[in-house]
Amino acid sequence: INGGLFDFTTHVHDGIKVIDGVLTGTVYNP
C-alpha cells in the first residue's frame, strides 16, 4: 500500500521513516 505524505515537487517523504534500522527525516515545526 502507499505510505506517508510527501512534497509534491520533490517527492521527498514528509517526516521521518526508518528503513532497515536507519532513521532519516525530521518532525518539523509547522
PDB file of all heavy atoms in Angstrom:
ATOM      1  N   ILE A   1       0.853  -1.188   0.000  1.00  0.00           N
ATOM      2  CA  ILE A   1       0.000   0.000   0.000  1.00  0.00           C
ATOM      3  C   ILE A   1       0.890   1.240   0.000  1.00  0.00           C
ATOM      4  O   ILE A   1       2.087   1.164   0.276  1.00  0.00           O
ATOM      5  CB  ILE A   1      -0.961   0.045   1.208  1.00  0.00           C
ATOM      6  CG1 ILE A   1      -0.164   0.107   2.520  1.00  0.00           C
ATOM      7  CG2 ILE A   1      -1.910  -1.132   1.188  1.00  0.00           C
ATOM      8  CD1 ILE A   1      -1.032   0.351   3.745  1.00  0.00           C
ATOM      9  N   ASN A   2       0.288   2.370  -0.322  1.00  0.00           N
ATOM     10  CA  ASN A   2       1.017   3.633  -0.285  1.00  0.00           C
ATOM     11  C   ASN A   2       1.306   4.026   1.160  1.00  0.00           C
ATOM     12  O   ASN A   2       0.615   3.616   2.092  1.00  0.00           O
ATOM     13  CB  ASN A   2       0.226   4.737  -0.974  1.00  0.00           C
ATOM     14  CG  ASN A   2      -1.131   4.960  -0.348  1.00  0.00           C
ATOM     15  OD1 ASN A   2      -1.994   4.083  -0.407  1.00  0.00           O
ATOM     16  ND2 ASN A   2      -1.333   6.117   0.269  1.00  0.00           N
ATOM     17  N   GLY A   3       2.338   4.838   1.349  1.00  0.00           N
ATOM     18  CA  GLY A   3       2.771   5.191   2.693  1.00  0.00           C
ATOM     19  C   GLY A   3       2.459   6.607   3.102  1.00  0.00           C
ATOM     20  O   GLY A   3       1.316   7.058   3.040  1.00  0.00           O
ATOM     21  N   GLY A   4       3.487   7.359   3.510  1.00  0.00           N
ATOM     22  CA  GLY A   4       3.288   8.679   4.092  1.00  0.00           C
ATOM     23  C   GLY A   4       3.134   9.789   3.080  1.00  0.00           C
ATOM     24  O   GLY A   4       3.278   9.606   1.869  1.00  0.00           O
ATOM     25  N   LEU A   5       2.860  10.971   3.603  1.00  0.00           N
ATOM     26  CA  LEU A   5       2.751  12.173   2.781  1.00  0.00           C
ATOM     27  C   LEU A   5       4.117  12.555   2.221  1.00  0.00           C
ATOM     28  O   LEU A   5       5.152  12.120   2.722  1.00  0.00           O
ATOM     29  CB  LEU A   5       2.177  13.320   3.614  1.00  0.00           C
ATOM     30  CG  LEU A   5       0.745  13.125   4.117  1.00  0.00           C
ATOM     31  CD1 LEU A   5       0.448  14.089   5.249  1.00  0.00           C
ATOM     32  CD2 LEU A   5      -0.239  13.314   2.976  1.00  0.00           C
ATOM     33  N   PHE A   6       4.102  13.407   1.203  1.00  0.00           N
ATOM     34  CA  PHE A   6       5.358  13.800   0.575  1.00  0.00           C
ATOM     35  C   PHE A   6       5.196  15.150  -0.093  1.00  0.00           C
ATOM     36  O   PHE A   6       4.083  15.632  -0.329  1.00  0.00           O
ATOM     37  CB  PHE A   6       5.799  12.755  -0.464  1.00  0.00           C
ATOM     38  CG  PHE A   6       4.759  12.474  -1.524  1.00  0.00           C
ATOM     39  CD1 PHE A   6       4.724  13.209  -2.703  1.00  0.00           C
ATOM     40  CD2 PHE A   6       3.792  11.496  -1.324  1.00  0.00           C
ATOM     41  CE1 PHE A   6       3.765  12.962  -3.672  1.00  0.00           C
ATOM     42  CE2 PHE A   6       2.825  11.242  -2.284  1.00  0.00           C
ATOM     43  CZ  PHE A   6       2.805  11.973  -3.460  1.00  0.00           C
ATOM     44  N   ASP A   7       6.313  15.781  -0.396  1.00  0.00           N
ATOM     45  CA  ASP A   7       6.326  17.045  -1.120  1.00  0.00           C
ATOM     46  C   ASP A   7       5.996  16.771  -2.582  1.00  0.00           C
ATOM     47  O   ASP A   7       6.636  15.925  -3.224  1.00  0.00           O
ATOM     48  CB  ASP A   7       7.705  17.706  -1.001  1.00  0.00           C
ATOM     49  CG  ASP A   7       7.749  19.060  -1.669  1.00  0.00           C
ATOM     50  OD1 ASP A   7       7.890  19.097  -2.908  1.00  0.00           O
ATOM     51  OD2 ASP A   7       7.651  20.077  -0.966  1.00  0.00           O
ATOM     52  N   PHE A   8       5.006  17.469  -3.131  1.00  0.00           N
ATOM     53  CA  PHE A   8       4.562  17.201  -4.496  1.00  0.00           C
ATOM     54  C   PHE A   8       5.628  17.555  -5.538  1.00  0.00           C
ATOM     55  O   PHE A   8       5.631  17.019  -6.643  1.00  0.00           O
ATOM     56  CB  PHE A   8       3.285  17.978  -4.811  1.00  0.00           C
ATOM     57  CG  PHE A   8       2.042  17.314  -4.284  1.00  0.00           C
ATOM     58  CD1 PHE A   8       1.339  17.881  -3.239  1.00  0.00           C
ATOM     59  CD2 PHE A   8       1.586  16.127  -4.823  1.00  0.00           C
ATOM     60  CE1 PHE A   8       0.195  17.273  -2.749  1.00  0.00           C
ATOM     61  CE2 PHE A   8       0.445  15.507  -4.337  1.00  0.00           C
ATOM     62  CZ  PHE A   8      -0.252  16.087  -3.298  1.00  0.00           C
ATOM     63  N   THR A   9       6.538  18.444  -5.192  1.00  0.00           N
ATOM     64  CA  THR A   9       7.565  18.857  -6.148  1.00  0.00           C
ATOM     65  C   THR A   9       8.763  17.916  -6.140  1.00  0.00           C
ATOM     66  O   THR A   9       9.231  17.449  -7.182  1.00  0.00           O
ATOM     67  CB  THR A   9       8.048  20.288  -5.843  1.00  0.00           C
ATOM     68  OG1 THR A   9       6.920  21.180  -5.878  1.00  0.00           O
ATOM     69  CG2 THR A   9       9.084  20.739  -6.871  1.00  0.00           C
ATOM     70  N   THR A  10       9.248  17.606  -4.935  1.00  0.00           N
ATOM     71  CA  THR A  10      10.465  16.797  -4.823  1.00  0.00           C
ATOM     72  C   THR A  10      10.182  15.328  -4.544  1.00  0.00           C
ATOM     73  O   THR A  10      11.079  14.492  -4.659  1.00  0.00           O
ATOM     74  CB  THR A  10      11.345  17.330  -3.691  1.00  0.00           C
ATOM     75  OG1 THR A  10      10.634  17.190  -2.438  1.00  0.00           O
ATOM     76  CG2 THR A  10      11.685  18.799  -3.913  1.00  0.00           C
ATOM     77  N   HIS A  11       8.956  15.007  -4.171  1.00  0.00           N
ATOM     78  CA  HIS A  11       8.578  13.658  -3.760  1.00  0.00           C
ATOM     79  C   HIS A  11       9.436  13.145  -2.589  1.00  0.00           C
ATOM     80  O   HIS A  11       9.647  11.949  -2.442  1.00  0.00           O
ATOM     81  CB  HIS A  11       8.654  12.670  -4.936  1.00  0.00           C
ATOM     82  CG  HIS A  11       7.386  12.671  -5.740  1.00  0.00           C
ATOM     83  ND1 HIS A  11       7.149  13.585  -6.723  1.00  0.00           N
ATOM     84  CD2 HIS A  11       6.284  11.888  -5.681  1.00  0.00           C
ATOM     85  CE1 HIS A  11       5.966  13.368  -7.267  1.00  0.00           C
ATOM     86  NE2 HIS A  11       5.405  12.332  -6.646  1.00  0.00           N
ATOM     87  N   VAL A  12       9.908  14.056  -1.767  1.00  0.00           N
ATOM     88  CA  VAL A  12      10.615  13.685  -0.543  1.00  0.00           C
ATOM     89  C   VAL A  12       9.578  13.374   0.528  1.00  0.00           C
ATOM     90  O   VAL A  12       8.617  14.120   0.726  1.00  0.00           O
ATOM     91  CB  VAL A  12      11.550  14.817  -0.081  1.00  0.00           C
ATOM     92  CG1 VAL A  12      12.131  14.510   1.300  1.00  0.00           C
ATOM     93  CG2 VAL A  12      12.671  15.026  -1.091  1.00  0.00           C
ATOM     94  N   HIS A  13       9.760  12.267   1.228  1.00  0.00           N
ATOM     95  CA  HIS A  13       8.846  11.864   2.290  1.00  0.00           C
ATOM     96  C   HIS A  13       8.734  12.964   3.338  1.00  0.00           C
ATOM     97  O   HIS A  13       9.728  13.551   3.760  1.00  0.00           O
ATOM     98  CB  HIS A  13       9.346  10.570   2.931  1.00  0.00           C
ATOM     99  CG  HIS A  13       8.561  10.144   4.126  1.00  0.00           C
ATOM    100  ND1 HIS A  13       7.293   9.612   4.036  1.00  0.00           N
ATOM    101  CD2 HIS A  13       8.866  10.170   5.450  1.00  0.00           C
ATOM    102  CE1 HIS A  13       6.854   9.325   5.251  1.00  0.00           C
ATOM    103  NE2 HIS A  13       7.792   9.658   6.128  1.00  0.00           N
ATOM    104  N   ASP A  14       7.499  13.252   3.757  1.00  0.00           N
ATOM    105  CA  ASP A  14       7.218  14.309   4.726  1.00  0.00           C
ATOM    106  C   ASP A  14       7.292  13.724   6.136  1.00  0.00           C
ATOM    107  O   ASP A  14       6.382  13.030   6.579  1.00  0.00           O
ATOM    108  CB  ASP A  14       5.825  14.883   4.455  1.00  0.00           C
ATOM    109  CG  ASP A  14       5.468  16.016   5.406  1.00  0.00           C
ATOM    110  OD1 ASP A  14       6.254  16.307   6.315  1.00  0.00           O
ATOM    111  OD2 ASP A  14       4.378  16.597   5.246  1.00  0.00           O
ATOM    112  N   GLY A  15       8.380  13.994   6.850  1.00  0.00           N
ATOM    113  CA  GLY A  15       8.509  13.483   8.207  1.00  0.00           C
ATOM    114  C   GLY A  15       9.655  12.500   8.321  1.00  0.00           C
ATOM    115  O   GLY A  15      10.674  12.617   7.642  1.00  0.00           O
ATOM    116  N   ILE A  16       9.482  11.511   9.189  1.00  0.00           N
ATOM    117  CA  ILE A  16      10.554  10.553   9.420  1.00  0.00           C
ATOM    118  C   ILE A  16      10.166   9.172   8.912  1.00  0.00           C
ATOM    119  O   ILE A  16       8.991   8.842   8.777  1.00  0.00           O
ATOM    120  CB  ILE A  16      10.936  10.478  10.912  1.00  0.00           C
ATOM    121  CG1 ILE A  16       9.746   9.992  11.746  1.00  0.00           C
ATOM    122  CG2 ILE A  16      11.444  11.807  11.406  1.00  0.00           C
ATOM    123  CD1 ILE A  16      10.082   9.808  13.202  1.00  0.00           C
ATOM    124  N   LYS A  17      11.177   8.392   8.664  1.00  0.00           N
ATOM    125  CA  LYS A  17      10.970   6.992   8.276  1.00  0.00           C
ATOM    126  C   LYS A  17      12.171   6.192   8.748  1.00  0.00           C
ATOM    127  O   LYS A  17      13.263   6.755   8.974  1.00  0.00           O
ATOM    128  CB  LYS A  17      10.785   6.842   6.765  1.00  0.00           C
ATOM    129  CG  LYS A  17      11.987   7.256   5.936  1.00  0.00           C
ATOM    130  CD  LYS A  17      11.710   7.106   4.459  1.00  0.00           C
ATOM    131  CE  LYS A  17      12.946   7.454   3.611  1.00  0.00           C
ATOM    132  NZ  LYS A  17      13.295   8.881   3.663  1.00  0.00           N
ATOM    133  N   VAL A  18      11.966   4.907   8.929  1.00  0.00           N
ATOM    134  CA  VAL A  18      13.049   4.012   9.323  1.00  0.00           C
ATOM    135  C   VAL A  18      13.043   2.841   8.348  1.00  0.00           C
ATOM    136  O   VAL A  18      12.023   2.162   8.191  1.00  0.00           O
ATOM    137  CB  VAL A  18      12.880   3.490  10.763  1.00  0.00           C
ATOM    138  CG1 VAL A  18      14.015   2.549  11.130  1.00  0.00           C
ATOM    139  CG2 VAL A  18      12.802   4.656  11.757  1.00  0.00           C
ATOM    140  N   ILE A  19      14.156   2.624   7.681  1.00  0.00           N
ATOM    141  CA  ILE A  19      14.279   1.513   6.735  1.00  0.00           C
ATOM    142  C   ILE A  19      15.490   0.682   7.125  1.00  0.00           C
ATOM    143  O   ILE A  19      16.617   1.179   7.146  1.00  0.00           O
ATOM    144  CB  ILE A  19      14.395   2.017   5.287  1.00  0.00           C
ATOM    145  CG1 ILE A  19      13.100   2.764   4.899  1.00  0.00           C
ATOM    146  CG2 ILE A  19      14.666   0.868   4.328  1.00  0.00           C
ATOM    147  CD1 ILE A  19      13.112   3.328   3.499  1.00  0.00           C
ATOM    148  N   ASP A  20      15.221  -0.567   7.470  1.00  0.00           N
ATOM    149  CA  ASP A  20      16.259  -1.492   7.923  1.00  0.00           C
ATOM    150  C   ASP A  20      17.080  -0.889   9.059  1.00  0.00           C
ATOM    151  O   ASP A  20      18.311  -0.997   9.085  1.00  0.00           O
ATOM    152  CB  ASP A  20      17.161  -1.896   6.766  1.00  0.00           C
ATOM    153  CG  ASP A  20      17.580  -3.372   6.871  1.00  0.00           C
ATOM    154  OD1 ASP A  20      17.121  -4.057   7.808  1.00  0.00           O
ATOM    155  OD2 ASP A  20      18.362  -3.818   6.025  1.00  0.00           O
ATOM    156  N   GLY A  21      16.389  -0.264  10.006  1.00  0.00           N
ATOM    157  CA  GLY A  21      17.025   0.265  11.208  1.00  0.00           C
ATOM    158  C   GLY A  21      17.620   1.639  11.091  1.00  0.00           C
ATOM    159  O   GLY A  21      18.105   2.193  12.087  1.00  0.00           O
ATOM    160  N   VAL A  22      17.599   2.239   9.899  1.00  0.00           N
ATOM    161  CA  VAL A  22      18.206   3.557   9.681  1.00  0.00           C
ATOM    162  C   VAL A  22      17.114   4.623   9.627  1.00  0.00           C
ATOM    163  O   VAL A  22      16.249   4.590   8.744  1.00  0.00           O
ATOM    164  CB  VAL A  22      19.038   3.583   8.391  1.00  0.00           C
ATOM    165  CG1 VAL A  22      19.624   4.977   8.172  1.00  0.00           C
ATOM    166  CG2 VAL A  22      20.142   2.540   8.448  1.00  0.00           C
ATOM    167  N   LEU A  23      17.148   5.576  10.566  1.00  0.00           N
ATOM    168  CA  LEU A  23      16.169   6.656  10.615  1.00  0.00           C
ATOM    169  C   LEU A  23      16.634   7.830   9.780  1.00  0.00           C
ATOM    170  O   LEU A  23      17.785   8.256   9.879  1.00  0.00           O
ATOM    171  CB  LEU A  23      15.946   7.105  12.062  1.00  0.00           C
ATOM    172  CG  LEU A  23      14.879   8.184  12.309  1.00  0.00           C
ATOM    173  CD1 LEU A  23      14.267   8.019  13.702  1.00  0.00           C
ATOM    174  CD2 LEU A  23      15.438   9.597  12.185  1.00  0.00           C
ATOM    175  N   THR A  24      15.744   8.354   8.951  1.00  0.00           N
ATOM    176  CA  THR A  24      16.015   9.584   8.208  1.00  0.00           C
ATOM    177  C   THR A  24      14.816  10.518   8.342  1.00  0.00           C
ATOM    178  O   THR A  24      13.700  10.084   8.614  1.00  0.00           O
ATOM    179  CB  THR A  24      16.277   9.308   6.716  1.00  0.00           C
ATOM    180  OG1 THR A  24      15.149   8.601   6.157  1.00  0.00           O
ATOM    181  CG2 THR A  24      17.531   8.487   6.525  1.00  0.00           C
ATOM    182  N   GLY A  25      15.063  11.798   8.142  1.00  0.00           N
ATOM    183  CA  GLY A  25      13.994  12.782   8.212  1.00  0.00           C
ATOM    184  C   GLY A  25      13.880  13.409   9.586  1.00  0.00           C
ATOM    185  O   GLY A  25      14.642  13.116  10.509  1.00  0.00           O
ATOM    186  N   THR A  26      12.900  14.283   9.719  1.00  0.00           N
ATOM    187  CA  THR A  26      12.684  15.012  10.959  1.00  0.00           C
ATOM    188  C   THR A  26      11.214  15.353  11.107  1.00  0.00           C
ATOM    189  O   THR A  26      10.473  15.403  10.115  1.00  0.00           O
ATOM    190  CB  THR A  26      13.524  16.304  10.976  1.00  0.00           C
ATOM    191  OG1 THR A  26      13.383  16.940  12.249  1.00  0.00           O
ATOM    192  CG2 THR A  26      13.050  17.273   9.908  1.00  0.00           C
ATOM    193  N   VAL A  27      10.773  15.575  12.330  1.00  0.00           N
ATOM    194  CA  VAL A  27       9.436  16.111  12.578  1.00  0.00           C
ATOM    195  C   VAL A  27       9.598  17.624  12.660  1.00  0.00           C
ATOM    196  O   VAL A  27      10.146  18.150  13.631  1.00  0.00           O
ATOM    197  CB  VAL A  27       8.829  15.561  13.882  1.00  0.00           C
ATOM    198  CG1 VAL A  27       7.449  16.174  14.119  1.00  0.00           C
ATOM    199  CG2 VAL A  27       8.740  14.044  13.834  1.00  0.00           C
ATOM    200  N   TYR A  28       9.188  18.321  11.620  1.00  0.00           N
ATOM    201  CA  TYR A  28       9.404  19.765  11.564  1.00  0.00           C
ATOM    202  C   TYR A  28       8.297  20.508  12.304  1.00  0.00           C
ATOM    203  O   TYR A  28       7.231  19.953  12.600  1.00  0.00           O
ATOM    204  CB  TYR A  28       9.477  20.232  10.109  1.00  0.00           C
ATOM    205  CG  TYR A  28       8.172  20.090   9.346  1.00  0.00           C
ATOM    206  CD1 TYR A  28       7.229  21.109   9.339  1.00  0.00           C
ATOM    207  CD2 TYR A  28       7.890  18.927   8.632  1.00  0.00           C
ATOM    208  CE1 TYR A  28       6.035  20.986   8.647  1.00  0.00           C
ATOM    209  CE2 TYR A  28       6.700  18.788   7.946  1.00  0.00           C
ATOM    210  CZ  TYR A  28       5.778  19.824   7.957  1.00  0.00           C
ATOM    211  OH  TYR A  28       4.585  19.678   7.280  1.00  0.00           O
ATOM    212  N   ASN A  29       8.544  21.764  12.603  1.00  0.00           N
ATOM    213  CA  ASN A  29       7.556  22.604  13.272  1.00  0.00           C
ATOM    214  C   ASN A  29       6.690  23.308  12.233  1.00  0.00           C
ATOM    215  O   ASN A  29       7.201  24.126  11.458  1.00  0.00           O
ATOM    216  CB  ASN A  29       8.243  23.650  14.154  1.00  0.00           C
ATOM    217  CG  ASN A  29       9.083  23.023  15.245  1.00  0.00           C
ATOM    218  OD1 ASN A  29       8.760  21.949  15.730  1.00  0.00           O
ATOM    219  ND2 ASN A  29      10.167  23.681  15.627  1.00  0.00           N
ATOM    220  N   PRO A  30       5.396  23.007  12.155  1.00  0.00           N
ATOM    221  CA  PRO A  30       4.542  23.602  11.122  1.00  0.00           C
ATOM    222  C   PRO A  30       4.016  24.982  11.512  1.00  0.00           C
ATOM    223  O   PRO A  30       3.950  25.344  12.688  1.00  0.00           O
ATOM    224  CB  PRO A  30       3.383  22.605  11.034  1.00  0.00           C
ATOM    225  CG  PRO A  30       3.261  22.080  12.429  1.00  0.00           C
ATOM    226  CD  PRO A  30       4.672  22.003  12.950  1.00  0.00           C
TER     227      PRO A  30
END
